[in-house]
Amino acid sequence: SKSGGKAGEGFDVARSGDARVAMVGFPSVGKSTLLSTLTNTKSEAAAYAFTTLTCIPGVVPYNNSKIQLLDLPGIIEGASKGKGRGKQVIAVARTSDLILMVVEAAKAELQAKLLTKELEDVGIRINCRPPDITYVIKKTGGIKFNST
């Protein structure tokens, strides 16, 4: 990679498997523990916030497929505006097939609401149908797109 690190380190993790799932959540909600439990990947978990500083990939075998599970650093309020490593975390989430919100049980409703807002603020639609996109070929050339 251009940053000088080993390939696959940092946030530039090669896509592998049949699907990619990004775990998004606030610091210290159990993302690393979940990754270590579901895969044979060791993702450091500790009793302090921001233990995970890069994207840690693991693979979950399911039936005859392999699902890439990504442990991402915790995001904080304002991540969509660049606070913390928010933009990097959200960029990885955007390339995933599924975003798995990991929340603390006692604060689940509030954390899910805040995470949804951060993701929607950068154009990631959560629990919404894909937009209905239509296009018309213009007589003068070009294409006009409409979405609902």
N, C-alpha and C. Protein backbone atom coordinates (compact mmCIF):
# COMPACT_ATOMS: atom_id res chain seq x y z
N SER A 1 0.83 -1.19 0.00
CA SER A 1 0.00 0.00 0.00
C SER A 1 0.87 1.25 0.00
N LYS A 2 0.27 2.38 -0.34
CA LYS A 2 1.02 3.63 -0.45
C LYS A 2 1.49 4.15 0.90
N SER A 3 0.83 3.73 1.98
CA SER A 3 1.19 4.25 3.30
C SER A 3 2.47 3.61 3.83
N GLY A 4 3.00 2.62 3.18
CA GLY A 4 4.24 2.00 3.59
C GLY A 4 4.03 0.79 4.48
N GLY A 5 2.79 0.52 4.90
CA GLY A 5 2.51 -0.65 5.73
C GLY A 5 2.40 -1.89 4.88
N LYS A 6 2.24 -3.02 5.56
CA LYS A 6 2.07 -4.28 4.84
C LYS A 6 0.72 -4.29 4.13
N ALA A 7 0.63 -5.04 3.04
CA ALA A 7 -0.63 -5.14 2.32
C ALA A 7 -1.70 -5.69 3.26
N GLY A 8 -2.89 -5.12 3.21
CA GLY A 8 -3.98 -5.60 4.05
C GLY A 8 -4.02 -4.93 5.42
N GLU A 9 -3.05 -4.08 5.74
CA GLU A 9 -3.06 -3.38 7.02
C GLU A 9 -3.80 -2.05 6.87
N GLY A 10 -4.16 -1.45 7.99
CA GLY A 10 -4.85 -0.17 7.95
C GLY A 10 -6.29 -0.35 7.52
N PHE A 11 -6.76 0.55 6.70
CA PHE A 11 -8.15 0.48 6.25
C PHE A 11 -8.26 -0.09 4.85
N ASP A 12 -7.15 -0.32 4.18
CA ASP A 12 -7.14 -0.84 2.82
C ASP A 12 -7.06 -2.37 2.85
N VAL A 13 -8.18 -3.00 3.19
CA VAL A 13 -8.23 -4.45 3.33
C VAL A 13 -8.84 -5.05 2.07
N ALA A 14 -8.13 -6.02 1.49
CA ALA A 14 -8.61 -6.66 0.27
C ALA A 14 -9.94 -7.36 0.52
N ARG A 15 -10.86 -7.18 -0.40
CA ARG A 15 -12.15 -7.84 -0.31
C ARG A 15 -11.95 -9.34 -0.56
N SER A 16 -12.57 -10.17 0.28
CA SER A 16 -12.46 -11.61 0.07
C SER A 16 -13.77 -12.27 0.46
N GLY A 17 -13.97 -13.48 0.01
CA GLY A 17 -15.18 -14.21 0.33
C GLY A 17 -16.35 -13.83 -0.58
N ASP A 18 -17.52 -14.32 -0.19
CA ASP A 18 -18.72 -14.12 -0.99
C ASP A 18 -19.50 -12.87 -0.61
N ALA A 19 -19.26 -12.36 0.60
CA ALA A 19 -19.94 -11.15 1.06
C ALA A 19 -19.05 -10.45 2.08
N ARG A 20 -19.28 -9.16 2.25
CA ARG A 20 -18.49 -8.36 3.18
C ARG A 20 -19.43 -7.68 4.16
N VAL A 21 -19.17 -7.87 5.47
CA VAL A 21 -19.99 -7.29 6.53
C VAL A 21 -19.09 -6.39 7.37
N ALA A 22 -19.47 -5.13 7.52
CA ALA A 22 -18.71 -4.18 8.34
C ALA A 22 -19.43 -4.00 9.67
N MET A 23 -18.69 -4.22 10.77
CA MET A 23 -19.25 -3.98 12.09
C MET A 23 -18.97 -2.52 12.48
N VAL A 24 -20.04 -1.77 12.69
CA VAL A 24 -19.95 -0.35 13.02
C VAL A 24 -20.56 -0.15 14.39
N GLY A 25 -19.87 0.60 15.24
CA GLY A 25 -20.41 0.88 16.57
C GLY A 25 -19.51 1.86 17.30
N PHE A 26 -19.96 2.26 18.47
CA PHE A 26 -19.18 3.16 19.30
C PHE A 26 -18.04 2.36 19.94
N PRO A 27 -17.06 3.03 20.53
CA PRO A 27 -15.96 2.31 21.17
C PRO A 27 -16.45 1.41 22.31
N SER A 28 -15.79 0.28 22.47
CA SER A 28 -16.02 -0.63 23.60
C SER A 28 -17.43 -1.21 23.68
N VAL A 29 -18.01 -1.56 22.53
CA VAL A 29 -19.34 -2.20 22.56
C VAL A 29 -19.26 -3.70 22.27
N GLY A 30 -18.05 -4.22 21.94
CA GLY A 30 -17.89 -5.66 21.75
C GLY A 30 -17.62 -6.11 20.33
N LYS A 31 -17.26 -5.19 19.45
CA LYS A 31 -17.00 -5.56 18.05
C LYS A 31 -15.82 -6.55 17.95
N SER A 32 -14.74 -6.27 18.66
CA SER A 32 -13.55 -7.13 18.61
C SER A 32 -13.83 -8.50 19.22
N THR A 33 -14.56 -8.52 20.31
CA THR A 33 -14.92 -9.79 20.95
C THR A 33 -15.79 -10.62 20.02
N LEU A 34 -16.74 -9.98 19.34
CA LEU A 34 -17.60 -10.68 18.40
C LEU A 34 -16.79 -11.26 17.25
N LEU A 35 -15.87 -10.47 16.70
CA LEU A 35 -15.01 -10.96 15.61
C LEU A 35 -14.20 -12.17 16.06
N SER A 36 -13.57 -12.08 17.22
CA SER A 36 -12.74 -13.17 17.73
C SER A 36 -13.57 -14.42 18.01
N THR A 37 -14.81 -14.24 18.45
CA THR A 37 -15.69 -15.36 18.76
C THR A 37 -16.19 -16.06 17.48
N LEU A 38 -16.53 -15.28 16.46
CA LEU A 38 -17.11 -15.86 15.23
C LEU A 38 -16.05 -16.37 14.25
N THR A 39 -14.82 -15.86 14.38
CA THR A 39 -13.75 -16.26 13.46
C THR A 39 -12.55 -16.70 14.28
N ASN A 40 -11.53 -17.19 13.62
CA ASN A 40 -10.29 -17.55 14.32
C ASN A 40 -9.32 -16.37 14.31
N THR A 41 -9.84 -15.18 14.13
CA THR A 41 -9.01 -13.98 14.07
C THR A 41 -8.84 -13.41 15.47
N LYS A 42 -7.65 -12.99 15.78
CA LYS A 42 -7.40 -12.35 17.07
C LYS A 42 -7.47 -10.84 16.88
N SER A 43 -8.50 -10.24 17.45
CA SER A 43 -8.63 -8.79 17.42
C SER A 43 -8.55 -8.35 18.87
N GLU A 44 -7.57 -7.53 19.18
CA GLU A 44 -7.32 -7.15 20.57
C GLU A 44 -8.52 -6.45 21.18
N ALA A 45 -8.92 -6.94 22.35
CA ALA A 45 -10.00 -6.33 23.10
C ALA A 45 -9.43 -5.97 24.46
N ALA A 46 -9.72 -4.78 24.95
CA ALA A 46 -9.22 -4.34 26.25
C ALA A 46 -10.29 -3.50 26.95
N ALA A 47 -10.01 -3.17 28.21
CA ALA A 47 -10.98 -2.44 29.01
C ALA A 47 -10.89 -0.93 28.80
N TYR A 48 -10.35 -0.51 27.66
CA TYR A 48 -10.29 0.91 27.37
C TYR A 48 -10.78 1.17 25.95
N ALA A 49 -11.25 2.37 25.71
CA ALA A 49 -11.81 2.72 24.39
C ALA A 49 -10.71 2.82 23.34
N PHE A 50 -11.08 2.63 22.11
CA PHE A 50 -10.19 2.77 20.95
C PHE A 50 -9.03 1.78 20.95
N THR A 51 -9.31 0.52 21.37
CA THR A 51 -8.30 -0.54 21.30
C THR A 51 -8.01 -0.85 19.84
N THR A 52 -9.06 -0.93 19.03
CA THR A 52 -8.91 -1.22 17.60
C THR A 52 -8.65 0.10 16.88
N LEU A 53 -7.51 0.18 16.18
CA LEU A 53 -7.14 1.42 15.50
C LEU A 53 -7.20 1.30 13.98
N THR A 54 -7.29 0.07 13.46
CA THR A 54 -7.38 -0.16 12.02
C THR A 54 -8.51 -1.14 11.75
N CYS A 55 -8.68 -1.50 10.50
CA CYS A 55 -9.69 -2.48 10.10
C CYS A 55 -9.10 -3.89 10.25
N ILE A 56 -9.75 -4.74 11.05
CA ILE A 56 -9.28 -6.11 11.26
C ILE A 56 -10.27 -7.05 10.56
N PRO A 57 -9.81 -7.79 9.53
CA PRO A 57 -10.72 -8.70 8.83
C PRO A 57 -10.70 -10.11 9.42
N GLY A 58 -11.81 -10.78 9.31
CA GLY A 58 -11.93 -12.19 9.68
C GLY A 58 -12.88 -12.84 8.70
N VAL A 59 -12.95 -14.17 8.70
CA VAL A 59 -13.85 -14.87 7.79
C VAL A 59 -14.76 -15.80 8.58
N VAL A 60 -16.06 -15.70 8.31
CA VAL A 60 -17.06 -16.56 8.92
C VAL A 60 -17.54 -17.55 7.86
N PRO A 61 -17.28 -18.86 8.05
CA PRO A 61 -17.82 -19.83 7.09
C PRO A 61 -19.31 -20.03 7.37
N TYR A 62 -20.11 -20.00 6.32
CA TYR A 62 -21.55 -20.21 6.47
C TYR A 62 -22.02 -21.06 5.31
N ASN A 63 -22.54 -22.25 5.61
CA ASN A 63 -22.89 -23.24 4.59
C ASN A 63 -21.69 -23.41 3.66
N ASN A 64 -21.83 -23.16 2.39
CA ASN A 64 -20.70 -23.30 1.46
C ASN A 64 -20.12 -21.96 1.05
N SER A 65 -20.35 -20.95 1.86
CA SER A 65 -19.83 -19.62 1.51
C SER A 65 -18.93 -19.09 2.62
N LYS A 66 -18.19 -18.05 2.27
CA LYS A 66 -17.31 -17.39 3.23
C LYS A 66 -17.70 -15.92 3.31
N ILE A 67 -17.96 -15.45 4.51
CA ILE A 67 -18.36 -14.07 4.73
C ILE A 67 -17.22 -13.33 5.42
N GLN A 68 -16.75 -12.27 4.78
CA GLN A 68 -15.69 -11.46 5.37
C GLN A 68 -16.33 -10.53 6.40
N LEU A 69 -15.86 -10.61 7.64
CA LEU A 69 -16.36 -9.78 8.74
C LEU A 69 -15.27 -8.79 9.11
N LEU A 70 -15.60 -7.50 9.11
CA LEU A 70 -14.62 -6.46 9.38
C LEU A 70 -14.87 -5.79 10.72
N ASP A 71 -13.86 -5.85 11.59
CA ASP A 71 -13.90 -5.16 12.87
C ASP A 71 -13.31 -3.77 12.64
N LEU A 72 -14.14 -2.76 12.76
CA LEU A 72 -13.70 -1.38 12.52
C LEU A 72 -13.54 -0.63 13.83
N PRO A 73 -12.66 0.38 13.86
CA PRO A 73 -12.54 1.20 15.08
C PRO A 73 -13.89 1.82 15.43
N GLY A 74 -14.09 2.07 16.72
CA GLY A 74 -15.32 2.71 17.15
C GLY A 74 -15.43 4.11 16.57
N ILE A 75 -16.66 4.47 16.23
CA ILE A 75 -16.87 5.84 15.75
C ILE A 75 -17.51 6.66 16.86
N ILE A 76 -17.40 7.96 16.75
CA ILE A 76 -17.95 8.85 17.75
C ILE A 76 -18.92 9.81 17.06
N GLU A 77 -19.73 10.49 17.86
CA GLU A 77 -20.63 11.48 17.26
C GLU A 77 -19.79 12.49 16.50
N GLY A 78 -20.24 12.83 15.30
CA GLY A 78 -19.49 13.75 14.45
C GLY A 78 -18.59 13.03 13.46
N ALA A 79 -18.64 11.69 13.45
CA ALA A 79 -17.80 10.90 12.54
C ALA A 79 -18.06 11.27 11.08
N SER A 80 -19.31 11.54 10.75
CA SER A 80 -19.66 11.89 9.37
C SER A 80 -19.02 13.20 8.94
N LYS A 81 -18.63 14.02 9.92
CA LYS A 81 -17.97 15.29 9.63
C LYS A 81 -16.46 15.19 9.79
N GLY A 82 -15.95 13.96 10.01
CA GLY A 82 -14.51 13.76 10.08
C GLY A 82 -13.93 13.61 11.46
N LYS A 83 -14.75 13.60 12.51
CA LYS A 83 -14.22 13.44 13.86
C LYS A 83 -13.66 12.03 14.04
N GLY A 84 -12.56 11.93 14.79
CA GLY A 84 -11.92 10.64 15.01
C GLY A 84 -11.48 10.05 13.68
N ARG A 85 -11.67 8.78 13.50
CA ARG A 85 -11.36 8.12 12.23
C ARG A 85 -12.65 7.88 11.45
N GLY A 86 -13.64 8.70 11.73
CA GLY A 86 -14.97 8.52 11.17
C GLY A 86 -15.03 8.37 9.67
N LYS A 87 -14.34 9.23 8.94
CA LYS A 87 -14.42 9.16 7.47
C LYS A 87 -13.84 7.86 6.96
N GLN A 88 -12.74 7.38 7.56
CA GLN A 88 -12.13 6.11 7.13
C GLN A 88 -13.06 4.94 7.44
N VAL A 89 -13.64 4.93 8.64
CA VAL A 89 -14.55 3.86 9.04
C VAL A 89 -15.76 3.83 8.12
N ILE A 90 -16.34 5.00 7.88
CA ILE A 90 -17.54 5.08 7.04
C ILE A 90 -17.23 4.69 5.59
N ALA A 91 -16.03 5.02 5.10
CA ALA A 91 -15.65 4.64 3.74
C ALA A 91 -15.60 3.12 3.60
N VAL A 92 -15.10 2.43 4.61
CA VAL A 92 -15.06 0.96 4.57
C VAL A 92 -16.49 0.41 4.64
N ALA A 93 -17.30 0.99 5.52
CA ALA A 93 -18.69 0.53 5.64
C ALA A 93 -19.43 0.68 4.31
N ARG A 94 -19.16 1.77 3.60
CA ARG A 94 -19.83 2.03 2.32
C ARG A 94 -19.54 0.95 1.29
N THR A 95 -18.35 0.33 1.35
CA THR A 95 -17.98 -0.70 0.37
C THR A 95 -18.48 -2.08 0.76
N SER A 96 -19.16 -2.19 1.89
CA SER A 96 -19.62 -3.48 2.39
C SER A 96 -20.99 -3.83 1.84
N ASP A 97 -21.29 -5.13 1.86
CA ASP A 97 -22.61 -5.60 1.43
C ASP A 97 -23.64 -5.42 2.53
N LEU A 98 -23.16 -5.40 3.78
CA LEU A 98 -24.05 -5.28 4.93
C LEU A 98 -23.32 -4.51 6.02
N ILE A 99 -24.04 -3.64 6.70
CA ILE A 99 -23.49 -2.94 7.85
C ILE A 99 -24.18 -3.52 9.08
N LEU A 100 -23.37 -4.06 9.99
CA LEU A 100 -23.88 -4.63 11.23
C LEU A 100 -23.60 -3.64 12.36
N MET A 101 -24.66 -3.04 12.89
CA MET A 101 -24.48 -2.10 14.00
C MET A 101 -24.35 -2.90 15.28
N VAL A 102 -23.24 -2.69 15.98
CA VAL A 102 -23.01 -3.35 17.26
C VAL A 102 -23.20 -2.28 18.34
N VAL A 103 -24.15 -2.53 19.25
CA VAL A 103 -24.49 -1.54 20.26
C VAL A 103 -24.43 -2.17 21.65
N GLU A 104 -24.29 -1.32 22.65
CA GLU A 104 -24.31 -1.76 24.04
C GLU A 104 -25.76 -1.99 24.43
N ALA A 105 -26.05 -3.13 25.06
CA ALA A 105 -27.43 -3.50 25.37
C ALA A 105 -28.17 -2.42 26.15
N ALA A 106 -27.52 -1.83 27.15
CA ALA A 106 -28.19 -0.84 27.99
C ALA A 106 -28.46 0.48 27.26
N LYS A 107 -27.76 0.72 26.15
CA LYS A 107 -27.91 1.97 25.41
C LYS A 107 -28.29 1.72 23.95
N ALA A 108 -28.84 0.55 23.67
CA ALA A 108 -29.07 0.11 22.29
C ALA A 108 -29.89 1.09 21.46
N GLU A 109 -31.01 1.55 21.98
CA GLU A 109 -31.89 2.42 21.20
C GLU A 109 -31.20 3.74 20.85
N LEU A 110 -30.56 4.36 21.83
CA LEU A 110 -29.87 5.63 21.60
C LEU A 110 -28.69 5.45 20.64
N GLN A 111 -27.88 4.41 20.87
CA GLN A 111 -26.71 4.20 20.00
C GLN A 111 -27.12 3.89 18.57
N ALA A 112 -28.16 3.08 18.38
CA ALA A 112 -28.63 2.76 17.02
C ALA A 112 -29.11 4.03 16.32
N LYS A 113 -29.80 4.89 17.06
CA LYS A 113 -30.29 6.15 16.49
C LYS A 113 -29.12 7.05 16.07
N LEU A 114 -28.11 7.18 16.94
CA LEU A 114 -26.94 8.01 16.64
C LEU A 114 -26.13 7.45 15.48
N LEU A 115 -25.94 6.12 15.45
CA LEU A 115 -25.20 5.50 14.34
C LEU A 115 -25.93 5.69 13.02
N THR A 116 -27.24 5.51 13.05
CA THR A 116 -28.05 5.70 11.84
C THR A 116 -27.89 7.13 11.32
N LYS A 117 -27.92 8.11 12.22
CA LYS A 117 -27.76 9.51 11.82
C LYS A 117 -26.39 9.74 11.18
N GLU A 118 -25.32 9.22 11.79
CA GLU A 118 -23.97 9.40 11.24
C GLU A 118 -23.87 8.82 9.83
N LEU A 119 -24.43 7.63 9.65
CA LEU A 119 -24.36 6.96 8.33
C LEU A 119 -25.24 7.68 7.31
N GLU A 120 -26.44 8.08 7.72
CA GLU A 120 -27.33 8.78 6.79
C GLU A 120 -26.77 10.15 6.40
N ASP A 121 -26.02 10.79 7.31
CA ASP A 121 -25.43 12.10 7.01
C ASP A 121 -24.40 12.03 5.88
N VAL A 122 -23.88 10.84 5.59
CA VAL A 122 -22.94 10.69 4.47
C VAL A 122 -23.58 9.94 3.30
N GLY A 123 -24.91 9.81 3.33
CA GLY A 123 -25.63 9.23 2.20
C GLY A 123 -25.81 7.72 2.22
N ILE A 124 -25.50 7.07 3.34
CA ILE A 124 -25.75 5.62 3.44
C ILE A 124 -27.17 5.45 3.97
N ARG A 125 -28.01 4.80 3.18
CA ARG A 125 -29.41 4.62 3.53
C ARG A 125 -29.55 3.37 4.40
N ILE A 126 -30.08 3.52 5.58
CA ILE A 126 -30.23 2.42 6.53
C ILE A 126 -31.69 1.96 6.56
N ASN A 127 -31.89 0.66 6.36
CA ASN A 127 -33.22 0.05 6.40
C ASN A 127 -34.21 0.74 5.47
N CYS A 128 -33.72 1.12 4.31
CA CYS A 128 -34.57 1.76 3.29
C CYS A 128 -34.47 0.96 2.00
N ARG A 129 -35.53 0.98 1.26
CA ARG A 129 -35.48 0.35 -0.05
C ARG A 129 -34.54 1.17 -0.93
N PRO A 130 -33.86 0.51 -1.87
CA PRO A 130 -33.02 1.28 -2.80
C PRO A 130 -33.88 2.29 -3.56
N PRO A 131 -33.30 3.42 -3.95
CA PRO A 131 -34.09 4.41 -4.67
C PRO A 131 -34.55 3.87 -6.02
N ASP A 132 -35.73 4.31 -6.44
CA ASP A 132 -36.26 3.92 -7.74
C ASP A 132 -35.66 4.88 -8.76
N ILE A 133 -34.74 4.39 -9.57
CA ILE A 133 -34.03 5.25 -10.52
C ILE A 133 -34.54 4.98 -11.94
N THR A 134 -34.90 6.05 -12.62
CA THR A 134 -35.32 5.94 -14.02
C THR A 134 -34.44 6.87 -14.85
N TYR A 135 -34.38 6.59 -16.12
CA TYR A 135 -33.61 7.47 -17.00
C TYR A 135 -34.34 7.65 -18.31
N VAL A 136 -34.06 8.79 -18.94
CA VAL A 136 -34.65 9.12 -20.22
C VAL A 136 -33.50 9.56 -21.13
N ILE A 137 -33.48 9.01 -22.34
CA ILE A 137 -32.47 9.43 -23.31
C ILE A 137 -32.99 10.70 -23.98
N LYS A 138 -32.22 11.76 -23.87
CA LYS A 138 -32.63 13.05 -24.41
C LYS A 138 -32.51 13.06 -25.94
N LYS A 139 -33.39 13.78 -26.59
CA LYS A 139 -33.36 13.90 -28.05
C LYS A 139 -32.10 14.62 -28.51
N THR A 140 -31.60 15.52 -27.66
CA THR A 140 -30.42 16.30 -28.04
C THR A 140 -29.12 15.59 -27.65
N GLY A 141 -29.26 14.36 -27.14
CA GLY A 141 -28.08 13.60 -26.70
C GLY A 141 -27.98 13.64 -25.20
N GLY A 142 -27.39 12.62 -24.64
CA GLY A 142 -27.24 12.54 -23.19
C GLY A 142 -28.37 11.77 -22.54
N ILE A 143 -28.25 11.65 -21.24
CA ILE A 143 -29.23 10.90 -20.44
C ILE A 143 -29.63 11.75 -19.25
N LYS A 144 -30.94 11.71 -18.91
CA LYS A 144 -31.42 12.41 -17.73
C LYS A 144 -31.87 11.34 -16.72
N PHE A 145 -31.33 11.43 -15.49
CA PHE A 145 -31.68 10.49 -14.42
C PHE A 145 -32.66 11.12 -13.45
N ASN A 146 -33.60 10.33 -12.95
CA ASN A 146 -34.54 10.74 -11.92
C ASN A 146 -34.54 9.66 -10.85
N SER A 147 -34.58 10.06 -9.58
CA SER A 147 -34.69 9.07 -8.52
C SER A 147 -35.75 9.51 -7.53
N THR A 148 -36.35 8.51 -6.87
CA THR A 148 -37.37 8.80 -5.87
C THR A 148 -37.01 8.16 -4.56
